[in-house]
Amino acid sequence: MEKEVNVYVLPKSPDTNRIKRYLAGKGLDFKVHDIHSDVKAHKQMLEATRGACGAPVIEIGNRIVCGLDKQRLDETIKMELH
């Protein structure tokens, strides 16, 4: 079973489109969750990060990457999806 990739964003954040383009460029399927309008998604993000970081947050399997940290994101993709 393939691990889910969830992206928790604030729609007006400049990083939102950058993250979506970056993940799409990696050929990944991912779900985007708008934490501004979706209370459930906001709660899920807070639980996943234990409140340690704010949007944007990328969740791959059980691993979290806060913001567009390309090096950490690439390492997480390699460990979790390959």
PDB file of N, CA and C in Angstrom:
ATOM      1  N   MET A   1       0.839  -1.187   0.000  1.00  0.00           N
ATOM      2  CA  MET A   1       0.000   0.000   0.000  1.00  0.00           C
ATOM      3  C   MET A   1       0.881   1.246   0.000  1.00  0.00           C
ATOM      4  N   GLU A   2       0.597   2.147  -0.912  1.00  0.00           N
ATOM      5  CA  GLU A   2       1.378   3.374  -1.003  1.00  0.00           C
ATOM      6  C   GLU A   2       0.984   4.344   0.102  1.00  0.00           C
ATOM      7  N   LYS A   3       1.969   5.009   0.649  1.00  0.00           N
ATOM      8  CA  LYS A   3       1.725   5.965   1.723  1.00  0.00           C
ATOM      9  C   LYS A   3       1.133   7.243   1.147  1.00  0.00           C
ATOM     10  N   GLU A   4       0.234   7.839   1.924  1.00  0.00           N
ATOM     11  CA  GLU A   4      -0.398   9.083   1.493  1.00  0.00           C
ATOM     12  C   GLU A   4       0.553  10.260   1.665  1.00  0.00           C
ATOM     13  N   VAL A   5       0.385  11.221   0.778  1.00  0.00           N
ATOM     14  CA  VAL A   5       1.101  12.488   0.886  1.00  0.00           C
ATOM     15  C   VAL A   5       0.037  13.558   1.061  1.00  0.00           C
ATOM     16  N   ASN A   6       0.063  14.216   2.216  1.00  0.00           N
ATOM     17  CA  ASN A   6      -0.889  15.276   2.518  1.00  0.00           C
ATOM     18  C   ASN A   6      -0.140  16.588   2.660  1.00  0.00           C
ATOM     19  N   VAL A   7      -0.717  17.630   2.080  1.00  0.00           N
ATOM     20  CA  VAL A   7      -0.119  18.948   2.151  1.00  0.00           C
ATOM     21  C   VAL A   7      -1.140  19.881   2.797  1.00  0.00           C
ATOM     22  N   TYR A   8      -0.772  20.433   3.937  1.00  0.00           N
ATOM     23  CA  TYR A   8      -1.647  21.343   4.681  1.00  0.00           C
ATOM     24  C   TYR A   8      -1.173  22.760   4.394  1.00  0.00           C
ATOM     25  N   VAL A   9      -2.083  23.578   3.861  1.00  0.00           N
ATOM     26  CA  VAL A   9      -1.688  24.902   3.391  1.00  0.00           C
ATOM     27  C   VAL A   9      -2.675  25.984   3.820  1.00  0.00           C
ATOM     28  N   LEU A  10      -2.176  27.193   3.752  1.00  0.00           N
ATOM     29  CA  LEU A  10      -3.013  28.385   3.770  1.00  0.00           C
ATOM     30  C   LEU A  10      -3.018  28.869   2.318  1.00  0.00           C
ATOM     31  N   PRO A  11      -4.178  29.011   1.705  1.00  0.00           N
ATOM     32  CA  PRO A  11      -4.235  29.266   0.259  1.00  0.00           C
ATOM     33  C   PRO A  11      -3.512  30.523  -0.202  1.00  0.00           C
ATOM     34  N   LYS A  12      -3.402  31.530   0.627  1.00  0.00           N
ATOM     35  CA  LYS A  12      -2.757  32.776   0.192  1.00  0.00           C
ATOM     36  C   LYS A  12      -1.256  32.801   0.458  1.00  0.00           C
ATOM     37  N   SER A  13      -0.725  31.735   1.050  1.00  0.00           N
ATOM     38  CA  SER A  13       0.711  31.664   1.321  1.00  0.00           C
ATOM     39  C   SER A  13       1.477  31.504   0.012  1.00  0.00           C
ATOM     40  N   PRO A  14       2.547  32.265  -0.175  1.00  0.00           N
ATOM     41  CA  PRO A  14       3.340  32.112  -1.407  1.00  0.00           C
ATOM     42  C   PRO A  14       3.985  30.739  -1.533  1.00  0.00           C
ATOM     43  N   ASP A  15       4.194  30.053  -0.417  1.00  0.00           N
ATOM     44  CA  ASP A  15       4.791  28.718  -0.473  1.00  0.00           C
ATOM     45  C   ASP A  15       3.828  27.654  -0.981  1.00  0.00           C
ATOM     46  N   THR A  16       2.535  27.912  -0.921  1.00  0.00           N
ATOM     47  CA  THR A  16       1.549  26.916  -1.331  1.00  0.00           C
ATOM     48  C   THR A  16       1.775  26.455  -2.763  1.00  0.00           C
ATOM     49  N   ASN A  17       1.842  27.367  -3.702  1.00  0.00           N
ATOM     50  CA  ASN A  17       2.036  26.986  -5.105  1.00  0.00           C
ATOM     51  C   ASN A  17       3.412  26.399  -5.346  1.00  0.00           C
ATOM     52  N   ARG A  18       4.424  26.901  -4.641  1.00  0.00           N
ATOM     53  CA  ARG A  18       5.781  26.358  -4.797  1.00  0.00           C
ATOM     54  C   ARG A  18       5.825  24.891  -4.368  1.00  0.00           C
ATOM     55  N   ILE A  19       5.198  24.599  -3.248  1.00  0.00           N
ATOM     56  CA  ILE A  19       5.184  23.216  -2.759  1.00  0.00           C
ATOM     57  C   ILE A  19       4.417  22.314  -3.718  1.00  0.00           C
ATOM     58  N   LYS A  20       3.274  22.768  -4.197  1.00  0.00           N
ATOM     59  CA  LYS A  20       2.493  21.955  -5.131  1.00  0.00           C
ATOM     60  C   LYS A  20       3.284  21.687  -6.414  1.00  0.00           C
ATOM     61  N   ARG A  21       3.965  22.704  -6.933  1.00  0.00           N
ATOM     62  CA  ARG A  21       4.784  22.518  -8.138  1.00  0.00           C
ATOM     63  C   ARG A  21       5.947  21.561  -7.870  1.00  0.00           C
ATOM     64  N   TYR A  22       6.574  21.700  -6.714  1.00  0.00           N
ATOM     65  CA  TYR A  22       7.716  20.853  -6.375  1.00  0.00           C
ATOM     66  C   TYR A  22       7.303  19.383  -6.286  1.00  0.00           C
ATOM     67  N   LEU A  23       6.220  19.116  -5.577  1.00  0.00           N
ATOM     68  CA  LEU A  23       5.745  17.737  -5.432  1.00  0.00           C
ATOM     69  C   LEU A  23       5.273  17.167  -6.772  1.00  0.00           C
ATOM     70  N   ALA A  24       4.575  17.974  -7.558  1.00  0.00           N
ATOM     71  CA  ALA A  24       4.127  17.522  -8.882  1.00  0.00           C
ATOM     72  C   ALA A  24       5.328  17.219  -9.771  1.00  0.00           C
ATOM     73  N   GLY A  25       6.378  18.042  -9.659  1.00  0.00           N
ATOM     74  CA  GLY A  25       7.600  17.813 -10.425  1.00  0.00           C
ATOM     75  C   GLY A  25       8.300  16.523 -10.039  1.00  0.00           C
ATOM     76  N   LYS A  26       8.055  16.054  -8.833  1.00  0.00           N
ATOM     77  CA  LYS A  26       8.604  14.775  -8.373  1.00  0.00           C
ATOM     78  C   LYS A  26       7.717  13.597  -8.796  1.00  0.00           C
ATOM     79  N   GLY A  27       6.591  13.915  -9.447  1.00  0.00           N
ATOM     80  CA  GLY A  27       5.676  12.871  -9.907  1.00  0.00           C
ATOM     81  C   GLY A  27       4.819  12.277  -8.804  1.00  0.00           C
ATOM     82  N   LEU A  28       4.640  13.007  -7.710  1.00  0.00           N
ATOM     83  CA  LEU A  28       3.877  12.490  -6.576  1.00  0.00           C
ATOM     84  C   LEU A  28       2.406  12.860  -6.666  1.00  0.00           C
ATOM     85  N   ASP A  29       1.575  11.938  -6.229  1.00  0.00           N
ATOM     86  CA  ASP A  29       0.162  12.232  -6.028  1.00  0.00           C
ATOM     87  C   ASP A  29       0.028  12.712  -4.593  1.00  0.00           C
ATOM     88  N   PHE A  30      -0.702  13.788  -4.396  1.00  0.00           N
ATOM     89  CA  PHE A  30      -0.856  14.334  -3.057  1.00  0.00           C
ATOM     90  C   PHE A  30      -2.202  15.006  -2.913  1.00  0.00           C
ATOM     91  N   LYS A  31      -2.637  15.106  -1.665  1.00  0.00           N
ATOM     92  CA  LYS A  31      -3.891  15.781  -1.341  1.00  0.00           C
ATOM     93  C   LYS A  31      -3.555  17.109  -0.682  1.00  0.00           C
ATOM     94  N   VAL A  32      -4.229  18.150  -1.131  1.00  0.00           N
ATOM     95  CA  VAL A  32      -4.030  19.479  -0.557  1.00  0.00           C
ATOM     96  C   VAL A  32      -5.195  19.772   0.384  1.00  0.00           C
ATOM     97  N   HIS A  33      -4.870  20.207   1.585  1.00  0.00           N
ATOM     98  CA  HIS A  33      -5.867  20.516   2.603  1.00  0.00           C
ATOM     99  C   HIS A  33      -5.732  21.990   2.990  1.00  0.00           C
ATOM    100  N   ASP A  34      -6.781  22.750   2.786  1.00  0.00           N
ATOM    101  CA  ASP A  34      -6.815  24.167   3.127  1.00  0.00           C
ATOM    102  C   ASP A  34      -7.194  24.299   4.600  1.00  0.00           C
ATOM    103  N   ILE A  35      -6.214  24.606   5.442  1.00  0.00           N
ATOM    104  CA  ILE A  35      -6.487  24.662   6.881  1.00  0.00           C
ATOM    105  C   ILE A  35      -7.236  25.922   7.287  1.00  0.00           C
ATOM    106  N   HIS A  36      -7.348  26.868   6.365  1.00  0.00           N
ATOM    107  CA  HIS A  36      -8.102  28.084   6.664  1.00  0.00           C
ATOM    108  C   HIS A  36      -9.605  27.819   6.648  1.00  0.00           C
ATOM    109  N   SER A  37     -10.046  27.018   5.697  1.00  0.00           N
ATOM    110  CA  SER A  37     -11.484  26.775   5.560  1.00  0.00           C
ATOM    111  C   SER A  37     -11.928  25.402   6.060  1.00  0.00           C
ATOM    112  N   ASP A  38     -10.985  24.525   6.351  1.00  0.00           N
ATOM    113  CA  ASP A  38     -11.317  23.166   6.765  1.00  0.00           C
ATOM    114  C   ASP A  38     -10.812  22.925   8.194  1.00  0.00           C
ATOM    115  N   VAL A  39     -11.713  23.027   9.152  1.00  0.00           N
ATOM    116  CA  VAL A  39     -11.356  22.895  10.568  1.00  0.00           C
ATOM    117  C   VAL A  39     -10.783  21.511  10.859  1.00  0.00           C
ATOM    118  N   LYS A  40     -11.347  20.485  10.244  1.00  0.00           N
ATOM    119  CA  LYS A  40     -10.867  19.119  10.453  1.00  0.00           C
ATOM    120  C   LYS A  40      -9.414  18.984   9.976  1.00  0.00           C
ATOM    121  N   ALA A  41      -9.110  19.540   8.815  1.00  0.00           N
ATOM    122  CA  ALA A  41      -7.746  19.484   8.289  1.00  0.00           C
ATOM    123  C   ALA A  41      -6.787  20.243   9.201  1.00  0.00           C
ATOM    124  N   HIS A  42      -7.236  21.370   9.719  1.00  0.00           N
ATOM    125  CA  HIS A  42      -6.393  22.152  10.628  1.00  0.00           C
ATOM    126  C   HIS A  42      -6.075  21.331  11.878  1.00  0.00           C
ATOM    127  N   LYS A  43      -7.076  20.662  12.411  1.00  0.00           N
ATOM    128  CA  LYS A  43      -6.879  19.828  13.596  1.00  0.00           C
ATOM    129  C   LYS A  43      -5.918  18.679  13.279  1.00  0.00           C
ATOM    130  N   GLN A  44      -6.071  18.048  12.113  1.00  0.00           N
ATOM    131  CA  GLN A  44      -5.183  16.954  11.719  1.00  0.00           C
ATOM    132  C   GLN A  44      -3.735  17.438  11.624  1.00  0.00           C
ATOM    133  N   MET A  45      -3.535  18.631  11.056  1.00  0.00           N
ATOM    134  CA  MET A  45      -2.188  19.178  10.940  1.00  0.00           C
ATOM    135  C   MET A  45      -1.586  19.423  12.317  1.00  0.00           C
ATOM    136  N   LEU A  46      -2.375  20.013  13.218  1.00  0.00           N
ATOM    137  CA  LEU A  46      -1.881  20.286  14.564  1.00  0.00           C
ATOM    138  C   LEU A  46      -1.523  18.993  15.297  1.00  0.00           C
ATOM    139  N   GLU A  47      -2.338  17.963  15.130  1.00  0.00           N
ATOM    140  CA  GLU A  47      -2.047  16.670  15.756  1.00  0.00           C
ATOM    141  C   GLU A  47      -0.782  16.050  15.170  1.00  0.00           C
ATOM    142  N   ALA A  48      -0.649  16.118  13.849  1.00  0.00           N
ATOM    143  CA  ALA A  48       0.511  15.514  13.184  1.00  0.00           C
ATOM    144  C   ALA A  48       1.811  16.203  13.586  1.00  0.00           C
ATOM    145  N   THR A  49       1.762  17.519  13.761  1.00  0.00           N
ATOM    146  CA  THR A  49       2.974  18.279  14.081  1.00  0.00           C
ATOM    147  C   THR A  49       3.142  18.504  15.577  1.00  0.00           C
ATOM    148  N   ARG A  50       2.120  18.114  16.340  1.00  0.00           N
ATOM    149  CA  ARG A  50       2.083  18.385  17.781  1.00  0.00           C
ATOM    150  C   ARG A  50       2.229  19.886  18.043  1.00  0.00           C
ATOM    151  N   GLY A  51       1.705  20.661  17.100  1.00  0.00           N
ATOM    152  CA  GLY A  51       1.723  22.115  17.232  1.00  0.00           C
ATOM    153  C   GLY A  51       3.087  22.744  17.027  1.00  0.00           C
ATOM    154  N   ALA A  52       4.060  21.975  16.540  1.00  0.00           N
ATOM    155  CA  ALA A  52       5.433  22.458  16.419  1.00  0.00           C
ATOM    156  C   ALA A  52       5.683  23.362  15.220  1.00  0.00           C
ATOM    157  N   CYS A  53       4.810  23.327  14.231  1.00  0.00           N
ATOM    158  CA  CYS A  53       5.013  24.203  13.082  1.00  0.00           C
ATOM    159  C   CYS A  53       3.664  24.531  12.446  1.00  0.00           C
ATOM    160  N   GLY A  54       3.657  25.600  11.705  1.00  0.00           N
ATOM    161  CA  GLY A  54       2.445  26.026  11.015  1.00  0.00           C
ATOM    162  C   GLY A  54       2.546  25.731   9.536  1.00  0.00           C
ATOM    163  N   ALA A  55       1.463  25.977   8.849  1.00  0.00           N
ATOM    164  CA  ALA A  55       1.393  25.701   7.415  1.00  0.00           C
ATOM    165  C   ALA A  55       2.417  26.547   6.667  1.00  0.00           C
ATOM    166  N   PRO A  56       2.946  26.013   5.607  1.00  0.00           N
ATOM    167  CA  PRO A  56       2.630  24.730   4.992  1.00  0.00           C
ATOM    168  C   PRO A  56       3.349  23.568   5.676  1.00  0.00           C
ATOM    169  N   VAL A  57       2.662  22.442   5.690  1.00  0.00           N
ATOM    170  CA  VAL A  57       3.191  21.208   6.273  1.00  0.00           C
ATOM    171  C   VAL A  57       2.962  20.088   5.266  1.00  0.00           C
ATOM    172  N   ILE A  58       3.997  19.287   5.043  1.00  0.00           N
ATOM    173  CA  ILE A  58       3.880  18.135   4.164  1.00  0.00           C
ATOM    174  C   ILE A  58       3.996  16.894   5.037  1.00  0.00           C
ATOM    175  N   GLU A  59       3.004  16.019   4.928  1.00  0.00           N
ATOM    176  CA  GLU A  59       2.985  14.773   5.688  1.00  0.00           C
ATOM    177  C   GLU A  59       3.106  13.614   4.705  1.00  0.00           C
ATOM    178  N   ILE A  60       4.162  12.831   4.874  1.00  0.00           N
ATOM    179  CA  ILE A  60       4.385  11.668   4.020  1.00  0.00           C
ATOM    180  C   ILE A  60       4.470  10.465   4.939  1.00  0.00           C
ATOM    181  N   GLY A  61       3.462   9.602   4.857  1.00  0.00           N
ATOM    182  CA  GLY A  61       3.397   8.508   5.817  1.00  0.00           C
ATOM    183  C   GLY A  61       3.271   9.087   7.214  1.00  0.00           C
ATOM    184  N   ASN A  62       4.202   8.747   8.088  1.00  0.00           N
ATOM    185  CA  ASN A  62       4.196   9.277   9.446  1.00  0.00           C
ATOM    186  C   ASN A  62       5.245  10.363   9.654  1.00  0.00           C
ATOM    187  N   ARG A  63       5.834  10.828   8.583  1.00  0.00           N
ATOM    188  CA  ARG A  63       6.883  11.853   8.690  1.00  0.00           C
ATOM    189  C   ARG A  63       6.343  13.217   8.274  1.00  0.00           C
ATOM    190  N   ILE A  64       6.884  14.234   8.915  1.00  0.00           N
ATOM    191  CA  ILE A  64       6.434  15.610   8.703  1.00  0.00           C
ATOM    192  C   ILE A  64       7.597  16.468   8.214  1.00  0.00           C
ATOM    193  N   VAL A  65       7.310  17.315   7.232  1.00  0.00           N
ATOM    194  CA  VAL A  65       8.259  18.335   6.790  1.00  0.00           C
ATOM    195  C   VAL A  65       7.541  19.671   6.908  1.00  0.00           C
ATOM    196  N   CYS A  66       8.145  20.574   7.656  1.00  0.00           N
ATOM    197  CA  CYS A  66       7.571  21.906   7.839  1.00  0.00           C
ATOM    198  C   CYS A  66       8.137  22.844   6.782  1.00  0.00           C
ATOM    199  N   GLY A  67       7.263  23.469   6.034  1.00  0.00           N
ATOM    200  CA  GLY A  67       7.696  24.420   5.016  1.00  0.00           C
ATOM    201  C   GLY A  67       8.341  23.728   3.826  1.00  0.00           C
ATOM    202  N   LEU A  68       8.865  24.547   2.928  1.00  0.00           N
ATOM    203  CA  LEU A  68       9.492  24.023   1.710  1.00  0.00           C
ATOM    204  C   LEU A  68      10.988  23.843   1.952  1.00  0.00           C
ATOM    205  N   ASP A  69      11.312  22.848   2.758  1.00  0.00           N
ATOM    206  CA  ASP A  69      12.692  22.458   3.041  1.00  0.00           C
ATOM    207  C   ASP A  69      13.016  21.343   2.049  1.00  0.00           C
ATOM    208  N   LYS A  70      13.543  21.725   0.892  1.00  0.00           N
ATOM    209  CA  LYS A  70      13.720  20.773  -0.207  1.00  0.00           C
ATOM    210  C   LYS A  70      14.633  19.610   0.166  1.00  0.00           C
ATOM    211  N   GLN A  71      15.692  19.867   0.901  1.00  0.00           N
ATOM    212  CA  GLN A  71      16.595  18.788   1.280  1.00  0.00           C
ATOM    213  C   GLN A  71      15.882  17.781   2.182  1.00  0.00           C
ATOM    214  N   ARG A  72      15.192  18.268   3.189  1.00  0.00           N
ATOM    215  CA  ARG A  72      14.479  17.364   4.098  1.00  0.00           C
ATOM    216  C   ARG A  72      13.332  16.656   3.360  1.00  0.00           C
ATOM    217  N   LEU A  73      12.664  17.382   2.478  1.00  0.00           N
ATOM    218  CA  LEU A  73      11.575  16.796   1.712  1.00  0.00           C
ATOM    219  C   LEU A  73      12.090  15.678   0.810  1.00  0.00           C
ATOM    220  N   ASP A  74      13.205  15.908   0.130  1.00  0.00           N
ATOM    221  CA  ASP A  74      13.787  14.867  -0.731  1.00  0.00           C
ATOM    222  C   ASP A  74      14.195  13.645   0.082  1.00  0.00           C
ATOM    223  N   GLU A  75      14.790  13.860   1.252  1.00  0.00           N
ATOM    224  CA  GLU A  75      15.195  12.750   2.117  1.00  0.00           C
ATOM    225  C   GLU A  75      13.956  11.959   2.579  1.00  0.00           C
ATOM    226  N   THR A  76      12.907  12.673   2.919  1.00  0.00           N
ATOM    227  CA  THR A  76      11.679  12.018   3.400  1.00  0.00           C
ATOM    228  C   THR A  76      11.021  11.233   2.277  1.00  0.00           C
ATOM    229  N   ILE A  77      10.969  11.802   1.093  1.00  0.00           N
ATOM    230  CA  ILE A  77      10.408  11.103  -0.073  1.00  0.00           C
ATOM    231  C   ILE A  77      11.198   9.815  -0.330  1.00  0.00           C
ATOM    232  N   LYS A  78      12.515   9.926  -0.296  1.00  0.00           N
ATOM    233  CA  LYS A  78      13.356   8.747  -0.552  1.00  0.00           C
ATOM    234  C   LYS A  78      13.127   7.662   0.505  1.00  0.00           C
ATOM    235  N   MET A  79      13.051   8.046   1.768  1.00  0.00           N
ATOM    236  CA  MET A  79      12.874   7.070   2.853  1.00  0.00           C
ATOM    237  C   MET A  79      11.478   6.459   2.865  1.00  0.00           C
ATOM    238  N   GLU A  80      10.470   7.258   2.590  1.00  0.00           N
ATOM    239  CA  GLU A  80       9.091   6.807   2.749  1.00  0.00           C
ATOM    240  C   GLU A  80       8.458   6.236   1.491  1.00  0.00           C
ATOM    241  N   LEU A  81       8.890   6.693   0.332  1.00  0.00           N
ATOM    242  CA  LEU A  81       8.171   6.311  -0.893  1.00  0.00           C
ATOM    243  C   LEU A  81       8.973   5.465  -1.863  1.00  0.00           C
ATOM    244  N   HIS A  82      10.248   5.260  -1.601  1.00  0.00           N
ATOM    245  CA  HIS A  82      11.060   4.461  -2.546  1.00  0.00           C
ATOM    246  C   HIS A  82      11.675   3.282  -1.885  1.00  0.00           C
TER     247      HIS A  82
END
